[in-house]
Amino acid sequence: MTGETITLQASDGQELSAYWVRPETPTHGGVVVIQEIFGVNDHIRSVCDKLADAGYYAVAPALFDRAEPGVELDYDAEGVARGKALKDSLDWDSALLDIDAGAQFLKHEGVRKAAVVGFCWGGTLTWLSACRLAAVDCAVAYYGAQIPSYLDETPRCPIMLHFGEKDASIPAESVARIQAAHPEIPILSYPAGHGFNCDRRADFDKGSAELAWHRTIGLLQQTVG
């Protein structure tokens, strides 16, 4: 199993790069992995590889390509500042076109059902993908801080949300608002901070990451195979 860089084309004609990996034993569906504000970096590629190990096709569109190609940022103050600036230079609709390009690519490759799994900025984009993209059959969002801004929208597919109880950027009140607006959605919390799934970050929490991943794979197995 070896990942490669490919080129996707969104429906508006925009071309963007993506990390793409096929499983050695393809027994499941496909997953679009949605980046944090740090680009398609080692962490995001490792998530794709881990999904492929579990039998899923995985593709991670480089959403920053619309602003600046080839961006990979470190988890430090400079990386955070630059990542936020790049994120703010883009709009949600354009990012969703690029995510949809990933889902369409998977289905063109013969994948019957496609899920999205996203982190941080990608967590909010996961919510919007579940609400707006017909090609998405399942969604798992990790610590999507801006989800409360879109509670008037309802996911069209099964979705699971993961949050850290010690996340300074997502107050407990915000998570409670999501649960109140959508009591049917499983919202799972962990004794951890923001970015707890990423072993490159200071807030990495191994136990929480493993439990969240186990639950994520469980939903994927139920919905996309």
C-alpha atoms as a PDB file:
ATOM      1  CA  MET A   1       0.000   0.000   0.000  1.00  0.00           C
ATOM      2  CA  THR A   2       1.585   3.238  -1.194  1.00  0.00           C
ATOM      3  CA  GLY A   3      -0.108   6.611  -1.330  1.00  0.00           C
ATOM      4  CA  GLU A   4       0.320   8.972  -4.253  1.00  0.00           C
ATOM      5  CA  THR A   5      -0.438  12.542  -5.208  1.00  0.00           C
ATOM      6  CA  ILE A   6      -3.139  12.933  -7.839  1.00  0.00           C
ATOM      7  CA  THR A   7      -5.020  15.828  -9.416  1.00  0.00           C
ATOM      8  CA  LEU A   8      -8.744  16.329  -8.932  1.00  0.00           C
ATOM      9  CA  GLN A   9     -11.013  18.678 -10.837  1.00  0.00           C
ATOM     10  CA  ALA A  10     -13.922  20.362  -9.092  1.00  0.00           C
ATOM     11  CA  SER A  11     -17.194  21.030 -10.870  1.00  0.00           C
ATOM     12  CA  ASP A  12     -16.249  24.695 -11.411  1.00  0.00           C
ATOM     13  CA  GLY A  13     -13.097  23.646 -13.282  1.00  0.00           C
ATOM     14  CA  GLN A  14     -10.667  24.232 -10.404  1.00  0.00           C
ATOM     15  CA  GLU A  15      -7.831  21.720 -10.313  1.00  0.00           C
ATOM     16  CA  LEU A  16      -6.321  20.693  -6.991  1.00  0.00           C
ATOM     17  CA  SER A  17      -3.933  18.073  -5.727  1.00  0.00           C
ATOM     18  CA  ALA A  18      -4.947  15.270  -3.380  1.00  0.00           C
ATOM     19  CA  TYR A  19      -3.337  12.440  -1.467  1.00  0.00           C
ATOM     20  CA  TRP A  20      -4.802   9.128  -2.623  1.00  0.00           C
ATOM     21  CA  VAL A  21      -4.273   5.649  -1.242  1.00  0.00           C
ATOM     22  CA  ARG A  22      -5.795   2.304  -2.185  1.00  0.00           C
ATOM     23  CA  PRO A  23      -6.123  -0.485   0.378  1.00  0.00           C
ATOM     24  CA  GLU A  24      -4.229  -3.699  -0.283  1.00  0.00           C
ATOM     25  CA  THR A  25      -7.407  -5.612   0.459  1.00  0.00           C
ATOM     26  CA  PRO A  26     -10.297  -3.358  -0.611  1.00  0.00           C
ATOM     27  CA  THR A  27     -13.205  -4.662   1.393  1.00  0.00           C
ATOM     28  CA  HIS A  28     -14.984  -1.402   2.218  1.00  0.00           C
ATOM     29  CA  GLY A  29     -16.125   1.890   0.787  1.00  0.00           C
ATOM     30  CA  GLY A  30     -14.193   5.126   0.437  1.00  0.00           C
ATOM     31  CA  VAL A  31     -13.461   8.118   2.646  1.00  0.00           C
ATOM     32  CA  VAL A  32     -12.698  11.743   1.845  1.00  0.00           C
ATOM     33  CA  VAL A  33     -10.395  13.013   4.592  1.00  0.00           C
ATOM     34  CA  ILE A  34     -10.817  16.733   5.239  1.00  0.00           C
ATOM     35  CA  GLN A  35      -7.780  18.627   6.458  1.00  0.00           C
ATOM     36  CA  GLU A  36      -7.214  20.933   9.402  1.00  0.00           C
ATOM     37  CA  ILE A  37      -5.864  24.454   8.788  1.00  0.00           C
ATOM     38  CA  PHE A  38      -2.392  22.929   8.412  1.00  0.00           C
ATOM     39  CA  GLY A  39      -2.913  21.526   4.923  1.00  0.00           C
ATOM     40  CA  VAL A  40      -2.597  17.967   3.662  1.00  0.00           C
ATOM     41  CA  ASN A  41       0.407  17.252   5.873  1.00  0.00           C
ATOM     42  CA  ASP A  42       1.927  14.154   7.449  1.00  0.00           C
ATOM     43  CA  HIS A  43      -0.948  13.826   9.896  1.00  0.00           C
ATOM     44  CA  ILE A  44      -3.654  13.927   7.239  1.00  0.00           C
ATOM     45  CA  ARG A  45      -1.721  11.492   5.052  1.00  0.00           C
ATOM     46  CA  SER A  46      -1.354   9.174   8.051  1.00  0.00           C
ATOM     47  CA  VAL A  47      -5.139   9.245   8.572  1.00  0.00           C
ATOM     48  CA  CYS A  48      -5.578   8.200   4.937  1.00  0.00           C
ATOM     49  CA  ASP A  49      -3.028   5.422   5.371  1.00  0.00           C
ATOM     50  CA  LYS A  50      -4.757   4.222   8.529  1.00  0.00           C
ATOM     51  CA  LEU A  51      -8.094   4.090   6.726  1.00  0.00           C
ATOM     52  CA  ALA A  52      -6.502   2.104   3.914  1.00  0.00           C
ATOM     53  CA  ASP A  53      -5.112  -0.308   6.502  1.00  0.00           C
ATOM     54  CA  ALA A  54      -8.717  -0.802   7.619  1.00  0.00           C
ATOM     55  CA  GLY A  55      -9.785  -1.571   4.044  1.00  0.00           C
ATOM     56  CA  TYR A  56     -11.026   1.827   2.855  1.00  0.00           C
ATOM     57  CA  TYR A  57     -10.053   3.814  -0.199  1.00  0.00           C
ATOM     58  CA  ALA A  58      -9.017   7.268   1.044  1.00  0.00           C
ATOM     59  CA  VAL A  59      -8.434  10.616  -0.621  1.00  0.00           C
ATOM     60  CA  ALA A  60      -7.510  13.955   0.966  1.00  0.00           C
ATOM     61  CA  PRO A  61      -8.123  16.985  -1.292  1.00  0.00           C
ATOM     62  CA  ALA A  62      -5.697  19.879  -0.779  1.00  0.00           C
ATOM     63  CA  LEU A  63      -8.284  22.550  -0.026  1.00  0.00           C
ATOM     64  CA  PHE A  64      -5.706  25.334   0.213  1.00  0.00           C
ATOM     65  CA  ASP A  65      -4.737  24.846  -3.445  1.00  0.00           C
ATOM     66  CA  ARG A  66      -7.303  27.464  -4.444  1.00  0.00           C
ATOM     67  CA  ALA A  67      -5.273  30.028  -2.480  1.00  0.00           C
ATOM     68  CA  GLU A  68      -1.765  28.560  -2.553  1.00  0.00           C
ATOM     69  CA  PRO A  69      -0.682  25.135  -3.824  1.00  0.00           C
ATOM     70  CA  GLY A  70       1.444  22.752  -1.808  1.00  0.00           C
ATOM     71  CA  VAL A  71       0.804  24.130   1.669  1.00  0.00           C
ATOM     72  CA  GLU A  72       1.932  22.006   4.631  1.00  0.00           C
ATOM     73  CA  LEU A  73       2.207  23.805   7.963  1.00  0.00           C
ATOM     74  CA  ASP A  74       3.698  22.988  11.341  1.00  0.00           C
ATOM     75  CA  TYR A  75       1.693  22.899  14.563  1.00  0.00           C
ATOM     76  CA  ASP A  76       3.219  26.077  15.971  1.00  0.00           C
ATOM     77  CA  ALA A  77       2.156  29.712  16.311  1.00  0.00           C
ATOM     78  CA  GLU A  78       3.405  30.594  12.841  1.00  0.00           C
ATOM     79  CA  GLY A  79       1.580  27.622  11.315  1.00  0.00           C
ATOM     80  CA  VAL A  80      -1.641  28.498  13.120  1.00  0.00           C
ATOM     81  CA  ALA A  81      -1.499  32.122  11.973  1.00  0.00           C
ATOM     82  CA  ARG A  82      -0.775  31.231   8.362  1.00  0.00           C
ATOM     83  CA  GLY A  83      -3.369  28.457   8.332  1.00  0.00           C
ATOM     84  CA  LYS A  84      -6.071  30.751   9.671  1.00  0.00           C
ATOM     85  CA  ALA A  85      -5.216  33.372   7.049  1.00  0.00           C
ATOM     86  CA  LEU A  86      -5.440  30.810   4.251  1.00  0.00           C
ATOM     87  CA  LYS A  87      -8.713  29.433   5.618  1.00  0.00           C
ATOM     88  CA  ASP A  88     -10.181  32.926   5.829  1.00  0.00           C
ATOM     89  CA  SER A  89      -9.203  33.614   2.216  1.00  0.00           C
ATOM     90  CA  LEU A  90     -11.484  30.787   1.066  1.00  0.00           C
ATOM     91  CA  ASP A  91     -15.242  30.390   1.234  1.00  0.00           C
ATOM     92  CA  TRP A  92     -17.239  27.395   2.384  1.00  0.00           C
ATOM     93  CA  ASP A  93     -18.836  26.785  -1.010  1.00  0.00           C
ATOM     94  CA  SER A  94     -15.506  26.501  -2.822  1.00  0.00           C
ATOM     95  CA  ALA A  95     -14.156  24.101  -0.206  1.00  0.00           C
ATOM     96  CA  LEU A  96     -17.292  21.991  -0.566  1.00  0.00           C
ATOM     97  CA  LEU A  97     -16.773  21.822  -4.337  1.00  0.00           C
ATOM     98  CA  ASP A  98     -13.312  20.393  -3.698  1.00  0.00           C
ATOM     99  CA  ILE A  99     -14.612  17.886  -1.144  1.00  0.00           C
ATOM    100  CA  ASP A 100     -17.305  16.830  -3.594  1.00  0.00           C
ATOM    101  CA  ALA A 101     -14.574  16.364  -6.211  1.00  0.00           C
ATOM    102  CA  GLY A 102     -12.952  13.881  -3.820  1.00  0.00           C
ATOM    103  CA  ALA A 103     -16.218  12.009  -3.305  1.00  0.00           C
ATOM    104  CA  GLN A 104     -16.919  11.926  -7.043  1.00  0.00           C
ATOM    105  CA  PHE A 105     -13.392  10.640  -7.675  1.00  0.00           C
ATOM    106  CA  LEU A 106     -13.953   7.780  -5.243  1.00  0.00           C
ATOM    107  CA  LYS A 107     -17.178   6.797  -6.945  1.00  0.00           C
ATOM    108  CA  HIS A 108     -15.523   7.039 -10.361  1.00  0.00           C
ATOM    109  CA  GLU A 109     -12.964   4.556  -9.032  1.00  0.00           C
ATOM    110  CA  GLY A 110     -15.799   2.127  -8.314  1.00  0.00           C
ATOM    111  CA  VAL A 111     -16.433   2.884  -4.656  1.00  0.00           C
ATOM    112  CA  ARG A 112     -20.124   2.380  -4.022  1.00  0.00           C
ATOM    113  CA  LYS A 113     -20.445   4.659  -0.989  1.00  0.00           C
ATOM    114  CA  ALA A 114     -18.296   7.525   0.257  1.00  0.00           C
ATOM    115  CA  ALA A 115     -17.881   8.997   3.717  1.00  0.00           C
ATOM    116  CA  VAL A 116     -16.190  12.172   4.900  1.00  0.00           C
ATOM    117  CA  VAL A 117     -13.996  12.395   7.993  1.00  0.00           C
ATOM    118  CA  GLY A 118     -12.680  15.817   8.961  1.00  0.00           C
ATOM    119  CA  PHE A 119     -10.721  17.546  11.688  1.00  0.00           C
ATOM    120  CA  CYS A 120     -10.927  21.081  13.130  1.00  0.00           C
ATOM    121  CA  TRP A 121     -11.750  23.338  10.124  1.00  0.00           C
ATOM    122  CA  GLY A 122     -12.396  20.061   8.350  1.00  0.00           C
ATOM    123  CA  GLY A 123     -14.795  19.107  11.140  1.00  0.00           C
ATOM    124  CA  THR A 124     -17.064  22.015  10.286  1.00  0.00           C
ATOM    125  CA  LEU A 125     -16.682  21.230   6.587  1.00  0.00           C
ATOM    126  CA  THR A 126     -17.689  17.661   7.400  1.00  0.00           C
ATOM    127  CA  TRP A 127     -20.941  18.951   8.905  1.00  0.00           C
ATOM    128  CA  LEU A 128     -21.625  21.090   5.837  1.00  0.00           C
ATOM    129  CA  SER A 129     -20.730  18.199   3.532  1.00  0.00           C
ATOM    130  CA  ALA A 130     -23.233  15.968   5.323  1.00  0.00           C
ATOM    131  CA  CYS A 131     -25.894  18.650   4.954  1.00  0.00           C
ATOM    132  CA  ARG A 132     -25.247  19.753   1.379  1.00  0.00           C
ATOM    133  CA  LEU A 133     -23.464  17.091  -0.674  1.00  0.00           C
ATOM    134  CA  ALA A 134     -25.546  14.309  -2.186  1.00  0.00           C
ATOM    135  CA  ALA A 135     -22.457  12.163  -2.830  1.00  0.00           C
ATOM    136  CA  VAL A 136     -21.723  11.865   0.907  1.00  0.00           C
ATOM    137  CA  ASP A 137     -23.185   8.770   2.577  1.00  0.00           C
ATOM    138  CA  CYS A 138     -21.688   9.133   6.073  1.00  0.00           C
ATOM    139  CA  ALA A 139     -19.782  11.770   8.036  1.00  0.00           C
ATOM    140  CA  VAL A 140     -17.548  11.900  11.111  1.00  0.00           C
ATOM    141  CA  ALA A 141     -16.488  15.306  12.423  1.00  0.00           C
ATOM    142  CA  TYR A 142     -13.713  15.850  14.936  1.00  0.00           C
ATOM    143  CA  TYR A 143     -13.831  19.101  16.962  1.00  0.00           C
ATOM    144  CA  GLY A 144     -15.588  21.272  14.389  1.00  0.00           C
ATOM    145  CA  ALA A 145     -15.668  24.651  16.121  1.00  0.00           C
ATOM    146  CA  GLN A 146     -18.026  26.428  13.708  1.00  0.00           C
ATOM    147  CA  ILE A 147     -20.736  23.771  13.563  1.00  0.00           C
ATOM    148  CA  PRO A 148     -22.970  25.837  15.909  1.00  0.00           C
ATOM    149  CA  SER A 149     -23.181  28.498  13.185  1.00  0.00           C
ATOM    150  CA  TYR A 150     -24.992  26.022  10.921  1.00  0.00           C
ATOM    151  CA  LEU A 151     -27.502  24.367  13.218  1.00  0.00           C
ATOM    152  CA  ASP A 152     -30.363  25.400  10.946  1.00  0.00           C
ATOM    153  CA  GLU A 153     -29.080  22.787   8.497  1.00  0.00           C
ATOM    154  CA  THR A 154     -29.736  19.069   8.925  1.00  0.00           C
ATOM    155  CA  PRO A 155     -27.375  16.292   7.805  1.00  0.00           C
ATOM    156  CA  ARG A 156     -28.705  14.163   4.956  1.00  0.00           C
ATOM    157  CA  CYS A 157     -26.747  11.107   6.108  1.00  0.00           C
ATOM    158  CA  PRO A 158     -25.589   9.420   9.334  1.00  0.00           C
ATOM    159  CA  ILE A 159     -23.112  11.605  11.213  1.00  0.00           C
ATOM    160  CA  MET A 160     -21.039  11.347  14.395  1.00  0.00           C
ATOM    161  CA  LEU A 161     -19.364  14.246  16.234  1.00  0.00           C
ATOM    162  CA  HIS A 162     -16.284  14.027  18.475  1.00  0.00           C
ATOM    163  CA  PHE A 163     -15.329  16.786  20.958  1.00  0.00           C
ATOM    164  CA  GLY A 164     -12.725  17.208  23.685  1.00  0.00           C
ATOM    165  CA  GLU A 165     -14.042  18.239  27.083  1.00  0.00           C
ATOM    166  CA  LYS A 166     -10.910  20.353  27.666  1.00  0.00           C
ATOM    167  CA  ASP A 167     -11.052  22.076  24.286  1.00  0.00           C
ATOM    168  CA  ALA A 168     -10.442  25.779  24.993  1.00  0.00           C
ATOM    169  CA  SER A 169     -11.662  26.760  21.522  1.00  0.00           C
ATOM    170  CA  ILE A 170     -15.006  24.928  21.712  1.00  0.00           C
ATOM    171  CA  PRO A 171     -16.906  25.697  24.940  1.00  0.00           C
ATOM    172  CA  ALA A 172     -19.180  23.083  26.460  1.00  0.00           C
ATOM    173  CA  GLU A 173     -22.069  25.458  25.786  1.00  0.00           C
ATOM    174  CA  SER A 174     -21.419  25.198  22.051  1.00  0.00           C
ATOM    175  CA  VAL A 175     -21.555  21.413  22.156  1.00  0.00           C
ATOM    176  CA  ALA A 176     -24.757  21.610  24.201  1.00  0.00           C
ATOM    177  CA  ARG A 177     -26.297  23.871  21.546  1.00  0.00           C
ATOM    178  CA  ILE A 178     -25.570  21.285  18.869  1.00  0.00           C
ATOM    179  CA  GLN A 179     -27.118  18.517  20.968  1.00  0.00           C
ATOM    180  CA  ALA A 180     -30.213  20.592  21.731  1.00  0.00           C
ATOM    181  CA  ALA A 181     -30.745  21.445  18.071  1.00  0.00           C
ATOM    182  CA  HIS A 182     -30.090  17.886  16.855  1.00  0.00           C
ATOM    183  CA  PRO A 183     -30.775  15.412  19.680  1.00  0.00           C
ATOM    184  CA  GLU A 184     -30.777  12.537  17.179  1.00  0.00           C
ATOM    185  CA  ILE A 185     -27.060  12.952  16.427  1.00  0.00           C
ATOM    186  CA  PRO A 186     -24.464  11.065  18.507  1.00  0.00           C
ATOM    187  CA  ILE A 187     -22.136  13.606  20.111  1.00  0.00           C
ATOM    188  CA  LEU A 188     -19.222  11.939  21.864  1.00  0.00           C
ATOM    189  CA  SER A 189     -16.914  13.676  24.330  1.00  0.00           C
ATOM    190  CA  TYR A 190     -13.457  12.810  25.597  1.00  0.00           C
ATOM    191  CA  PRO A 191     -11.251  13.989  28.496  1.00  0.00           C
ATOM    192  CA  ALA A 192      -8.946  15.811  26.100  1.00  0.00           C
ATOM    193  CA  GLY A 193      -8.232  19.132  24.408  1.00  0.00           C
ATOM    194  CA  HIS A 194      -8.462  20.394  20.852  1.00  0.00           C
ATOM    195  CA  GLY A 195      -6.700  18.265  18.263  1.00  0.00           C
ATOM    196  CA  PHE A 196      -6.589  15.209  20.535  1.00  0.00           C
ATOM    197  CA  ASN A 197      -6.515  12.839  17.564  1.00  0.00           C
ATOM    198  CA  CYS A 198      -3.245  14.214  16.167  1.00  0.00           C
ATOM    199  CA  ASP A 199      -0.056  12.724  17.578  1.00  0.00           C
ATOM    200  CA  ARG A 200       1.886  15.724  16.231  1.00  0.00           C
ATOM    201  CA  ARG A 201       0.055  18.114  18.556  1.00  0.00           C
ATOM    202  CA  ALA A 202       0.546  18.931  22.225  1.00  0.00           C
ATOM    203  CA  ASP A 203      -3.082  18.033  22.950  1.00  0.00           C
ATOM    204  CA  PHE A 204      -2.737  14.505  21.570  1.00  0.00           C
ATOM    205  CA  ASP A 205      -4.468  12.052  23.874  1.00  0.00           C
ATOM    206  CA  LYS A 206      -3.778   8.441  22.949  1.00  0.00           C
ATOM    207  CA  GLY A 207      -6.687   6.895  24.818  1.00  0.00           C
ATOM    208  CA  SER A 208      -9.216   9.381  23.495  1.00  0.00           C
ATOM    209  CA  ALA A 209      -7.851   9.103  19.958  1.00  0.00           C
ATOM    210  CA  GLU A 210      -8.063   5.311  19.990  1.00  0.00           C
ATOM    211  CA  LEU A 211     -11.615   5.292  21.353  1.00  0.00           C
ATOM    212  CA  ALA A 212     -12.781   7.920  18.859  1.00  0.00           C
ATOM    213  CA  TRP A 213     -11.153   6.001  16.017  1.00  0.00           C
ATOM    214  CA  HIS A 214     -12.829   2.757  17.118  1.00  0.00           C
ATOM    215  CA  ARG A 215     -16.191   4.524  17.081  1.00  0.00           C
ATOM    216  CA  THR A 216     -15.443   6.158  13.734  1.00  0.00           C
ATOM    217  CA  ILE A 217     -14.596   2.848  12.093  1.00  0.00           C
ATOM    218  CA  GLY A 218     -17.739   1.351  13.630  1.00  0.00           C
ATOM    219  CA  LEU A 219     -19.946   3.970  11.949  1.00  0.00           C
ATOM    220  CA  LEU A 220     -18.099   3.585   8.653  1.00  0.00           C
ATOM    221  CA  GLN A 221     -18.647  -0.179   8.742  1.00  0.00           C
ATOM    222  CA  GLN A 222     -22.364   0.336   9.354  1.00  0.00           C
ATOM    223  CA  THR A 223     -22.842   2.888   6.586  1.00  0.00           C
ATOM    224  CA  VAL A 224     -20.321   2.558   3.755  1.00  0.00           C
ATOM    225  CA  GLY A 225     -19.211  -1.028   4.217  1.00  0.00           C
END
